[in-house]
Protein backbone atom coordinates (compact mmCIF):
# COMPACT_ATOMS: atom_id res chain seq x y z
CA UNK A 1 1.38 -73.18 86.90
CA UNK A 2 2.80 -69.98 88.43
CA UNK A 3 5.50 -67.94 86.71
CA UNK A 4 7.90 -68.95 89.48
CA UNK A 5 7.39 -72.66 88.91
CA UNK A 6 7.62 -72.19 85.16
CA UNK A 7 10.87 -70.27 85.58
CA UNK A 8 12.33 -72.99 87.79
CA UNK A 9 11.42 -75.69 85.31
CA UNK A 10 12.79 -73.82 82.29
CA UNK A 11 15.94 -72.64 84.03
CA UNK A 12 16.61 -76.17 85.32
CA UNK A 13 16.33 -77.55 81.79
CA UNK A 14 18.73 -75.00 80.37
CA UNK A 15 21.19 -75.27 83.23
CA UNK A 16 21.26 -79.03 82.67
CA UNK A 17 22.05 -78.37 79.01
CA UNK A 18 24.79 -75.97 80.02
CA UNK A 19 26.37 -78.50 82.38
CA UNK A 20 26.25 -81.14 79.65
CA UNK A 21 27.49 -79.03 76.73
CA UNK A 22 29.27 -76.02 78.22
CA UNK A 23 27.09 -73.63 76.21
CA UNK A 24 24.99 -71.07 78.09
CA UNK A 25 23.42 -69.51 74.98
CA UNK A 26 19.94 -70.95 75.52
CA UNK A 27 20.00 -70.01 79.21
CA UNK A 28 21.04 -66.44 78.41
CA UNK A 29 18.35 -66.15 75.75
CA UNK A 30 15.68 -67.36 78.19
CA UNK A 31 16.68 -64.90 80.91
CA UNK A 32 16.87 -61.91 78.57
CA UNK A 33 13.59 -62.65 76.78
CA UNK A 34 11.67 -63.26 80.01
CA UNK A 35 13.12 -60.10 81.54
CA UNK A 36 11.90 -58.07 78.56
CA UNK A 37 8.43 -59.64 78.71
CA UNK A 38 7.78 -59.54 82.45
CA UNK A 39 9.38 -56.31 83.62
CA UNK A 40 10.52 -55.47 87.17
CA UNK A 41 8.35 -57.96 89.07
CA UNK A 42 9.34 -60.69 86.63
CA UNK A 43 13.01 -59.84 87.11
CA UNK A 44 12.77 -60.58 90.83
CA UNK A 45 10.96 -63.86 90.26
CA UNK A 46 13.40 -64.81 87.52
CA UNK A 47 16.46 -64.10 89.65
CA UNK A 48 14.98 -65.97 92.60
CA UNK A 49 14.23 -69.00 90.43
CA UNK A 50 17.75 -68.88 88.97
CA UNK A 51 19.31 -68.75 92.44
CA UNK A 52 17.14 -71.62 93.71
CA UNK A 53 18.09 -73.90 90.82
CA UNK A 54 21.77 -72.97 91.05
CA UNK A 55 21.76 -73.74 94.78
CA UNK A 56 20.12 -77.12 94.24
CA UNK A 57 22.49 -78.17 91.46
CA UNK A 58 25.60 -76.85 93.21
CA UNK A 59 24.77 -78.66 96.44
CA UNK A 60 24.28 -81.96 94.60
CA UNK A 61 27.67 -82.15 92.86
CA UNK A 62 31.02 -80.56 93.77
CA UNK A 63 32.17 -80.44 90.15
CA UNK A 64 28.98 -78.78 89.02
CA UNK A 65 29.30 -76.37 91.94
CA UNK A 66 32.58 -75.00 90.62
CA UNK A 67 31.23 -74.83 87.06
CA UNK A 68 28.14 -72.95 88.22
CA UNK A 69 30.27 -70.61 90.31
CA UNK A 70 32.24 -69.69 87.22
CA UNK A 71 29.04 -69.16 85.23
CA UNK A 72 27.51 -66.93 87.89
CA UNK A 73 30.75 -64.96 88.15
CA UNK A 74 30.77 -64.46 84.40
CA UNK A 75 27.16 -63.24 84.50
CA UNK A 76 27.86 -60.93 87.46
CA UNK A 77 30.81 -59.38 85.62
CA UNK A 78 28.73 -58.42 82.58
CA UNK A 79 29.77 -54.82 81.95
CA UNK A 80 27.46 -51.80 81.78
CA UNK A 81 28.35 -51.61 78.09
CA UNK A 82 27.14 -55.16 77.56
CA UNK A 83 24.12 -54.77 79.83
CA UNK A 84 23.18 -51.10 80.38
CA UNK A 85 20.92 -50.08 83.25
CA UNK A 86 17.30 -50.67 82.28
CA UNK A 87 18.19 -52.98 79.41
CA UNK A 88 16.76 -56.54 79.51
CA UNK A 89 20.33 -57.85 79.58
CA UNK A 90 20.78 -56.33 83.03
CA UNK A 91 19.05 -59.51 84.19
CA UNK A 92 22.37 -61.32 83.62
CA UNK A 93 24.44 -59.54 86.31
CA UNK A 94 21.35 -59.53 88.55
CA UNK A 95 21.02 -63.32 88.27
CA UNK A 96 24.77 -63.77 88.49
CA UNK A 97 24.98 -61.94 91.81
CA UNK A 98 22.01 -63.88 93.22
CA UNK A 99 23.56 -67.14 92.02
CA UNK A 100 26.89 -66.33 93.66
CA UNK A 101 25.11 -65.77 96.98
CA UNK A 102 23.12 -69.00 96.53
CA UNK A 103 26.35 -70.99 96.16
CA UNK A 104 27.77 -69.06 99.11
CA UNK A 105 25.07 -70.52 101.35
CA UNK A 106 26.29 -74.08 100.71
CA UNK A 107 29.74 -74.19 102.34
CA UNK A 108 31.89 -71.91 104.48
CA UNK A 109 34.55 -71.77 101.77
CA UNK A 110 32.13 -70.34 99.26
CA UNK A 111 30.59 -67.98 101.84
CA UNK A 112 33.78 -65.95 102.07
CA UNK A 113 34.23 -65.98 98.31
CA UNK A 114 30.63 -64.89 97.80
CA UNK A 115 30.95 -61.99 100.24
CA UNK A 116 34.02 -60.75 98.39
CA UNK A 117 32.22 -60.95 95.05
CA UNK A 118 29.14 -59.21 96.43
CA UNK A 119 31.27 -56.41 97.83
CA UNK A 120 32.76 -55.87 94.39
CA UNK A 121 29.28 -55.96 92.83
CA UNK A 122 28.00 -53.40 95.34
CA UNK A 123 30.17 -50.80 93.59
CA UNK A 124 28.13 -51.26 90.40
CA UNK A 125 25.67 -48.34 90.02
CA UNK A 126 23.08 -50.35 88.05
CA UNK A 127 19.83 -50.67 90.07
CA UNK A 128 19.21 -54.38 89.48
CA UNK A 129 22.78 -55.26 90.39
CA UNK A 130 22.35 -53.36 93.65
CA UNK A 131 19.12 -55.20 94.36
CA UNK A 132 20.85 -58.49 93.61
CA UNK A 133 23.52 -57.70 96.19
CA UNK A 134 20.89 -56.87 98.83
CA UNK A 135 18.98 -60.09 98.13
CA UNK A 136 22.22 -62.04 98.15
CA UNK A 137 23.22 -60.60 101.52
CA UNK A 138 19.81 -61.58 102.89
CA UNK A 139 20.29 -65.18 101.72
CA UNK A 140 23.78 -65.40 103.18
CA UNK A 141 22.56 -64.00 106.51
CA UNK A 142 19.83 -66.64 106.63
CA UNK A 143 22.31 -69.47 106.03
CA UNK A 144 25.55 -68.28 107.65
CA UNK A 145 24.74 -65.37 109.91
CA UNK A 146 27.92 -64.99 111.95
CA UNK A 147 30.30 -65.09 108.99
CA UNK A 148 28.10 -62.77 106.94
CA UNK A 149 27.68 -60.17 109.69
CA UNK A 150 31.46 -60.10 110.12
CA UNK A 151 31.82 -59.64 106.38
CA UNK A 152 29.35 -56.75 106.32
CA UNK A 153 31.24 -55.04 109.12
CA UNK A 154 34.27 -55.21 106.86
CA UNK A 155 32.28 -53.52 104.11
CA UNK A 156 31.52 -50.64 106.48
CA UNK A 157 35.14 -50.41 107.61
CA UNK A 158 36.22 -50.15 103.97
CA UNK A 159 34.89 -46.58 104.03
CA UNK A 160 33.20 -46.92 100.63
CA UNK A 161 29.63 -45.61 100.50
CA UNK A 162 28.11 -48.12 98.08
CA UNK A 163 29.16 -51.25 100.01
CA UNK A 164 27.73 -49.59 103.12
CA UNK A 165 24.46 -49.07 101.27
CA UNK A 166 24.43 -52.72 100.24
CA UNK A 167 25.16 -53.86 103.80
CA UNK A 168 22.35 -51.74 105.24
CA UNK A 169 19.86 -52.77 102.55
CA UNK A 170 20.77 -56.45 102.75
CA UNK A 171 20.49 -56.77 106.50
CA UNK A 172 17.24 -54.75 106.46
CA UNK A 173 15.81 -57.25 103.92
CA UNK A 174 16.17 -60.01 106.52
CA UNK A 175 13.37 -61.08 108.85
CA UNK A 176 14.63 -59.02 111.77
CA UNK A 177 11.40 -59.43 113.73
CA UNK A 178 12.04 -63.18 114.00
CA UNK A 179 15.80 -62.93 114.59
CA UNK A 180 16.56 -60.80 117.68
CA UNK A 181 20.32 -61.42 117.50
CA UNK A 182 20.36 -60.40 113.85
CA UNK A 183 18.27 -57.33 114.67
CA UNK A 184 20.86 -56.29 117.26
CA UNK A 185 23.62 -56.84 114.70
CA UNK A 186 21.64 -54.70 112.24
CA UNK A 187 21.38 -51.87 114.77
CA UNK A 188 25.10 -52.09 115.50
CA UNK A 189 25.86 -51.99 111.78
CA UNK A 190 23.64 -48.94 111.28
CA UNK A 191 25.34 -47.19 114.19
CA UNK A 192 28.72 -47.67 112.53
CA UNK A 193 27.40 -46.39 109.22
CA UNK A 194 25.74 -43.34 110.79
CA UNK A 195 29.00 -42.44 112.53
CA UNK A 196 30.64 -42.33 109.11
CA UNK A 197 27.77 -40.23 107.75
CA UNK A 198 28.10 -37.78 110.64
CA UNK A 199 31.86 -37.43 110.29
CA UNK A 200 31.89 -37.28 106.48
CA UNK A 201 33.42 -34.24 104.85
CA UNK A 202 32.54 -35.10 101.26
CA UNK A 203 28.77 -35.50 100.84
CA UNK A 204 28.10 -34.74 97.18
CA UNK A 205 29.12 -38.02 95.56
CA UNK A 206 26.55 -40.37 94.04
CA UNK A 207 27.63 -43.06 96.49
CA UNK A 208 26.97 -40.89 99.53
CA UNK A 209 23.59 -39.81 98.19
CA UNK A 210 22.63 -43.42 97.45
CA UNK A 211 23.62 -44.52 100.96
CA UNK A 212 21.69 -41.66 102.54
CA UNK A 213 18.61 -42.62 100.52
CA UNK A 214 18.84 -46.26 101.60
CA UNK A 215 19.21 -45.32 105.27
CA UNK A 216 15.98 -43.36 104.89
CA UNK A 217 14.11 -46.67 105.08
CA UNK A 218 16.51 -49.33 106.39
CA UNK A 219 16.93 -47.71 109.80
CA UNK A 220 13.16 -47.74 110.30
CA UNK A 221 13.04 -51.50 109.69
CA UNK A 222 15.64 -51.99 112.39
CA UNK A 223 13.69 -49.78 114.78
CA UNK A 224 10.54 -51.82 114.13
CA UNK A 225 12.40 -54.97 115.15
CA UNK A 226 13.98 -53.37 118.25
CA UNK A 227 11.65 -50.53 119.27
CA UNK A 228 13.20 -49.99 122.71
CA UNK A 229 16.82 -49.65 121.64
CA UNK A 230 15.85 -48.37 118.21
CA UNK A 231 13.84 -45.36 119.35
CA UNK A 232 16.45 -44.54 121.97
CA UNK A 233 19.01 -44.45 119.19
CA UNK A 234 16.78 -42.15 117.11
CA UNK A 235 16.49 -39.82 120.11
CA UNK A 236 20.28 -39.69 120.35
CA UNK A 237 20.59 -38.97 116.64
CA UNK A 238 17.96 -36.23 116.88
CA UNK A 239 20.26 -34.24 119.18
CA UNK A 240 22.88 -33.94 116.43
CA UNK A 241 22.99 -30.73 114.42
CA UNK A 242 23.52 -32.47 111.09
CA UNK A 243 21.12 -31.96 108.18
CA UNK A 244 21.79 -35.35 106.58
CA UNK A 245 21.34 -37.30 109.81
CA UNK A 246 18.16 -35.39 110.59
CA UNK A 247 16.86 -36.04 107.05
CA UNK A 248 17.41 -39.77 107.57
CA UNK A 249 15.44 -39.66 110.84
CA UNK A 250 12.56 -37.74 109.23
CA UNK A 251 12.36 -40.17 106.31
CA UNK A 252 12.10 -43.15 108.64
CA UNK A 253 9.46 -41.45 110.78
CA UNK A 254 7.34 -41.08 107.63
CA UNK A 255 7.05 -44.87 107.31
CA UNK A 256 3.51 -46.09 107.87
CA UNK A 257 4.51 -48.98 110.13
CA UNK A 258 6.21 -46.75 112.70
CA UNK A 259 3.39 -44.20 112.61
CA UNK A 260 0.72 -46.86 113.10
CA UNK A 261 2.36 -48.75 115.95
CA UNK A 262 4.14 -45.93 117.78
CA UNK A 263 2.24 -42.70 117.00
CA UNK A 264 3.12 -40.89 120.24
CA UNK A 265 6.81 -41.72 120.04
CA UNK A 266 6.91 -40.61 116.42
CA UNK A 267 5.21 -37.32 117.30
CA UNK A 268 7.69 -36.62 120.10
CA UNK A 269 10.64 -37.30 117.83
CA UNK A 270 9.21 -35.06 115.12
CA UNK A 271 8.85 -32.28 117.67
CA UNK A 272 12.55 -32.65 118.54
CA UNK A 273 13.43 -32.24 114.89
CA UNK A 274 11.25 -29.16 114.36
């Protein structure tokens, strides 16, 4: 039996106990112990299994749905003091964020609530929480694309760098090659974010630096899905005399996928940046 199937079975058993007794102690112990044993790859599998079980249980019973929402919210709100970055207990906010998104895929009412919670969570500097937000955005886009894209545009309009990073990372996690409308939405979103990068006065904050780093790979994924419009946009960006924008372009041109499939175009763009 794979780790994923084992996780699903064990999480389902403990979630059933929680719903019956109201105690999440055994569930918390399982998540923390498995996180410590398995490391980063195990964390992703664990959070995915948690989200899958939460979605299944929440969809089956409206009362359980609300109870599970409250549990996931409690997990997601675990403070950095209670679950420092790199500590096995960071799995709790990671799973909580993924669980919130899983419930958000079930009904339109919960979609809006989930997007609001994920936006709040995107301000958390802990790496696993950030990854949870990106994975959650991906799941919401797969289930309720129009509502989620509109929500992400609101994140960009908020002017806060970390929600912008989460929006870019989340939409880039989606299967853009199979979803042309979503790919176009992703390009539009990146355009809005890059405008804010270009017009930014303050560029030394951790949030700005984190967003810039994320754009160093997310933009390339969008270009791969929409090479015509994507490369034209990179050409436009390359005309700007802005060191951060040009750094973002260079980083994306370093990606193997773009170099393999479009070597001549990449070379021409690099020459423009020289």
